[in-house]
N, C-alpha and C. Protein backbone atom coordinates (compact mmCIF):
# COMPACT_ATOMS: atom_id res chain seq x y z
N MET A 1 -3.15 19.60 10.99
CA MET A 1 -3.07 20.09 9.37
C MET A 1 -4.00 19.38 8.38
N THR A 2 -4.21 20.50 7.62
CA THR A 2 -5.02 19.44 6.92
C THR A 2 -4.26 19.70 5.66
N PHE A 3 -4.51 18.50 4.40
CA PHE A 3 -3.74 18.82 2.92
C PHE A 3 -5.37 18.34 1.72
N LYS A 4 -5.17 18.63 0.93
CA LYS A 4 -6.69 18.66 0.18
C LYS A 4 -5.75 18.70 -0.83
N VAL A 5 -6.01 16.92 -1.46
CA VAL A 5 -5.54 16.87 -3.17
C VAL A 5 -6.05 16.57 -3.61
N ARG A 6 -6.55 17.24 -5.07
CA ARG A 6 -7.63 16.60 -5.85
C ARG A 6 -7.20 16.09 -7.33
N LEU A 7 -7.81 15.55 -8.15
CA LEU A 7 -7.57 15.74 -9.37
C LEU A 7 -6.10 14.51 -9.79
N GLN A 8 -5.55 14.04 -8.89
CA GLN A 8 -4.51 13.57 -9.27
C GLN A 8 -4.33 11.94 -8.76
N PRO A 9 -3.72 11.10 -9.87
CA PRO A 9 -3.86 9.73 -9.26
C PRO A 9 -3.23 9.00 -8.43
N LEU A 10 -3.61 8.51 -7.67
CA LEU A 10 -3.15 7.63 -6.25
C LEU A 10 -2.03 7.27 -6.35
N GLU A 11 -1.87 7.08 -7.83
CA GLU A 11 -0.40 6.10 -7.84
C GLU A 11 0.92 7.36 -7.29
N THR A 12 0.63 8.81 -8.01
CA THR A 12 0.81 10.07 -8.03
C THR A 12 1.60 9.72 -6.15
N PHE A 13 0.67 9.50 -5.55
CA PHE A 13 0.99 9.79 -4.26
C PHE A 13 1.25 8.70 -3.12
N GLY A 14 1.15 7.55 -3.83
CA GLY A 14 1.33 6.54 -3.20
C GLY A 14 3.12 6.00 -2.26
N THR A 15 3.75 6.27 -3.07
CA THR A 15 5.51 6.79 -2.25
C THR A 15 5.29 7.27 -1.31
N ILE A 16 4.64 8.99 -0.99
CA ILE A 16 5.40 9.78 0.07
C ILE A 16 3.79 9.34 0.85
N ILE A 17 2.99 8.70 0.81
CA ILE A 17 2.03 8.41 1.22
C ILE A 17 2.82 7.03 2.35
N SER A 18 2.96 6.27 1.74
CA SER A 18 3.76 5.05 2.83
C SER A 18 4.96 5.64 2.92
N LEU A 19 5.81 6.82 2.37
CA LEU A 19 6.48 7.07 3.80
C LEU A 19 6.36 7.96 4.90
N LEU A 20 5.60 8.51 4.38
CA LEU A 20 4.99 9.38 5.98
C LEU A 20 4.65 8.05 6.71
N LEU A 21 3.83 7.21 6.54
CA LEU A 21 2.62 6.56 7.41
C LEU A 21 4.21 5.80 8.29
N LYS A 22 5.15 5.31 7.31
CA LYS A 22 6.28 4.77 8.01
C LYS A 22 7.49 5.39 9.33
N THR A 23 7.03 6.39 8.42
CA THR A 23 8.09 7.49 9.65
C THR A 23 7.65 8.77 10.18
N LYS A 24 6.59 8.93 10.45
CA LYS A 24 5.69 9.53 11.31
C LYS A 24 4.46 9.28 11.93
N ASN A 25 4.36 9.36 13.53
CA ASN A 25 3.27 9.07 13.90
C ASN A 25 2.18 9.54 13.36
N ILE A 26 1.48 9.65 12.25
CA ILE A 26 -0.09 10.46 11.76
C ILE A 26 -0.60 8.97 11.27
N SER A 27 -2.05 9.76 11.25
CA SER A 27 -3.15 9.02 10.02
C SER A 27 -3.33 10.15 9.11
N ILE A 28 -3.99 9.73 7.71
CA ILE A 28 -4.36 9.79 7.14
C ILE A 28 -5.53 9.42 6.28
N LEU A 29 -6.16 10.68 5.83
CA LEU A 29 -7.69 9.81 5.33
C LEU A 29 -7.47 10.07 3.98
N ILE A 30 -7.58 8.98 3.04
CA ILE A 30 -7.59 8.78 1.58
C ILE A 30 -9.07 8.88 1.65
N VAL A 31 -9.70 9.75 0.11
CA VAL A 31 -11.15 9.08 -0.28
C VAL A 31 -10.46 8.88 -1.55
N ASP A 32 -11.04 7.16 -1.74
CA ASP A 32 -10.49 7.50 -3.50
C ASP A 32 -11.49 6.21 -3.69
N LYS A 33 -11.70 5.34 -4.61
CA LYS A 33 -12.05 4.32 -5.49
C LYS A 33 -11.28 3.48 -5.75
N SER A 34 -10.29 3.37 -5.61
CA SER A 34 -8.70 2.52 -5.91
C SER A 34 -9.02 1.76 -5.11
N LEU A 35 -9.58 0.52 -4.61
CA LEU A 35 -9.41 -0.33 -3.72
C LEU A 35 -8.10 -0.97 -3.56
N LYS A 36 -7.67 -1.92 -5.02
CA LYS A 36 -6.76 -2.21 -5.14
C LYS A 36 -5.18 -1.52 -4.61
N GLN A 37 -4.97 -0.17 -4.95
CA GLN A 37 -3.61 0.61 -4.38
C GLN A 37 -3.72 0.82 -2.46
N LEU A 38 -5.43 0.79 -2.47
CA LEU A 38 -5.24 1.57 -1.42
C LEU A 38 -4.89 0.37 -0.81
N LEU A 39 -5.34 -0.71 -0.65
CA LEU A 39 -5.11 -2.08 0.27
C LEU A 39 -3.47 -2.35 0.20
N ASP A 40 -2.58 -2.03 -0.21
CA ASP A 40 -1.29 -1.39 -0.08
C ASP A 40 -1.16 -0.70 1.12
N LEU A 41 -1.58 0.60 0.58
CA LEU A 41 -1.48 1.45 1.74
C LEU A 41 -2.03 1.60 3.06
N ALA A 42 -3.39 1.37 3.04
CA ALA A 42 -4.06 1.55 4.76
C ALA A 42 -4.35 0.15 5.05
N ASP A 43 -4.47 0.29 6.80
CA ASP A 43 -4.22 -0.43 7.34
C ASP A 43 -5.90 -0.85 8.23
N LYS A 44 -6.73 0.63 7.48
CA LYS A 44 -8.00 0.58 8.06
C LYS A 44 -8.73 1.28 6.86
N PHE A 45 -9.92 0.12 7.39
CA PHE A 45 -10.67 1.12 6.19
C PHE A 45 -12.10 0.92 6.71
N TYR A 46 -13.13 2.19 6.01
CA TYR A 46 -14.03 2.96 6.42
C TYR A 46 -15.07 2.97 5.01
N ILE A 47 -16.38 1.88 5.09
CA ILE A 47 -16.93 2.16 3.43
C ILE A 47 -17.93 2.49 4.14
N VAL A 48 -18.21 4.13 3.73
CA VAL A 48 -19.23 5.12 3.55
C VAL A 48 -20.11 4.58 2.25
N GLU A 49 -21.42 4.83 2.90
CA GLU A 49 -22.73 5.07 1.81
C GLU A 49 -23.77 6.08 1.84
N LYS A 50 -23.94 6.96 1.02
CA LYS A 50 -24.57 7.91 1.79
C LYS A 50 -24.88 8.49 2.77
N GLY A 51 -23.87 8.82 3.01
CA GLY A 51 -23.22 9.68 4.55
C GLY A 51 -23.08 8.39 5.84
N LYS A 52 -23.42 7.44 5.19
CA LYS A 52 -23.22 6.79 6.60
C LYS A 52 -21.99 5.80 6.44
N THR A 53 -21.24 5.05 7.71
CA THR A 53 -20.82 3.95 7.61
C THR A 53 -21.31 2.30 7.96
N VAL A 54 -21.09 2.33 6.75
CA VAL A 54 -21.58 0.42 6.21
C VAL A 54 -20.91 -0.87 7.05
N TRP A 55 -19.45 -0.43 6.71
CA TRP A 55 -18.37 -1.46 7.36
C TRP A 55 -17.26 -0.21 7.79
N GLU A 56 -16.78 -1.36 8.52
CA GLU A 56 -15.15 -0.58 8.87
C GLU A 56 -13.82 -1.30 9.70
N GLY A 57 -12.96 -1.73 9.43
CA GLY A 57 -12.49 -2.91 10.34
C GLY A 57 -10.84 -2.62 8.97
N PHE A 58 -10.27 -3.62 9.53
CA PHE A 58 -8.95 -3.45 8.94
C PHE A 58 -8.57 -4.40 7.84
N SER A 59 -7.32 -4.00 7.14
CA SER A 59 -7.47 -4.36 5.03
C SER A 59 -7.52 -5.81 5.93
N GLN A 60 -7.09 -6.84 6.28
CA GLN A 60 -6.85 -7.96 6.41
C GLN A 60 -8.95 -8.37 6.84
N ASN A 61 -9.58 -7.81 6.70
CA ASN A 61 -10.95 -8.45 6.97
C ASN A 61 -11.70 -8.10 6.06
N LEU A 62 -11.07 -7.25 4.78
CA LEU A 62 -11.55 -6.96 4.15
C LEU A 62 -11.94 -7.87 2.74
N THR A 63 -12.91 -8.84 3.43
CA THR A 63 -13.08 -9.92 2.21
C THR A 63 -13.74 -9.25 0.65
N SER A 64 -13.70 -10.20 -0.26
CA SER A 64 -13.87 -9.95 -1.89
C SER A 64 -15.52 -10.05 -1.55
N GLN A 65 -15.96 -10.55 -0.50
CA GLN A 65 -17.62 -10.77 -0.16
C GLN A 65 -18.05 -8.95 0.00
N ILE A 66 -17.31 -8.45 1.02
CA ILE A 66 -17.61 -7.27 1.37
C ILE A 66 -17.58 -6.10 0.26
N ALA A 67 -15.96 -6.19 -0.41
CA ALA A 67 -15.79 -5.63 -1.52
C ALA A 67 -16.94 -6.08 -2.46
N GLN A 68 -17.21 -6.74 -2.62
CA GLN A 68 -18.61 -7.06 -3.74
C GLN A 68 -19.71 -6.17 -3.71
N LYS A 69 -19.97 -6.74 -2.27
CA LYS A 69 -21.44 -6.15 -1.44
C LYS A 69 -21.66 -4.84 -1.37
N TYR A 70 -20.19 -4.00 -1.53
CA TYR A 70 -20.10 -2.58 -0.92
C TYR A 70 -19.46 -1.59 -2.35
N LEU A 71 -18.66 -1.68 -2.85
CA LEU A 71 -18.17 -1.37 -3.62
C LEU A 71 -18.08 -1.94 -5.42
N GLY A 72 -18.92 -3.05 -5.00
CA GLY A 72 -19.03 -3.42 -6.89
C GLY A 72 -17.76 -4.00 -7.60
N VAL A 73 -16.39 -4.21 -6.30
CA VAL A 73 -15.07 -4.35 -7.01
C VAL A 73 -15.25 -6.09 -7.46
C-alpha cells in the first residue's frame, strides 16, 4: 500500500507516524530535508545524492560530521 503526502510540514504527521510505527509492523519511507525532526521518528537513514546511496545506517550512527558532509547541517 502506498500513500503520497505532499506539501505538508512533517510536524503535521509526526504524531501519526510515531503511532503507526509503534503499533503496526510496517516500514515508512519519508523523503524530507528536516533532519532534526526525522531523528525523532526514524531508526534508519539513507542519504541519497544524484540517485546514489552515499550513506546508510541507524540514527545513532548518523554523526554531526556525516550530516555536515552530506546534508550541510
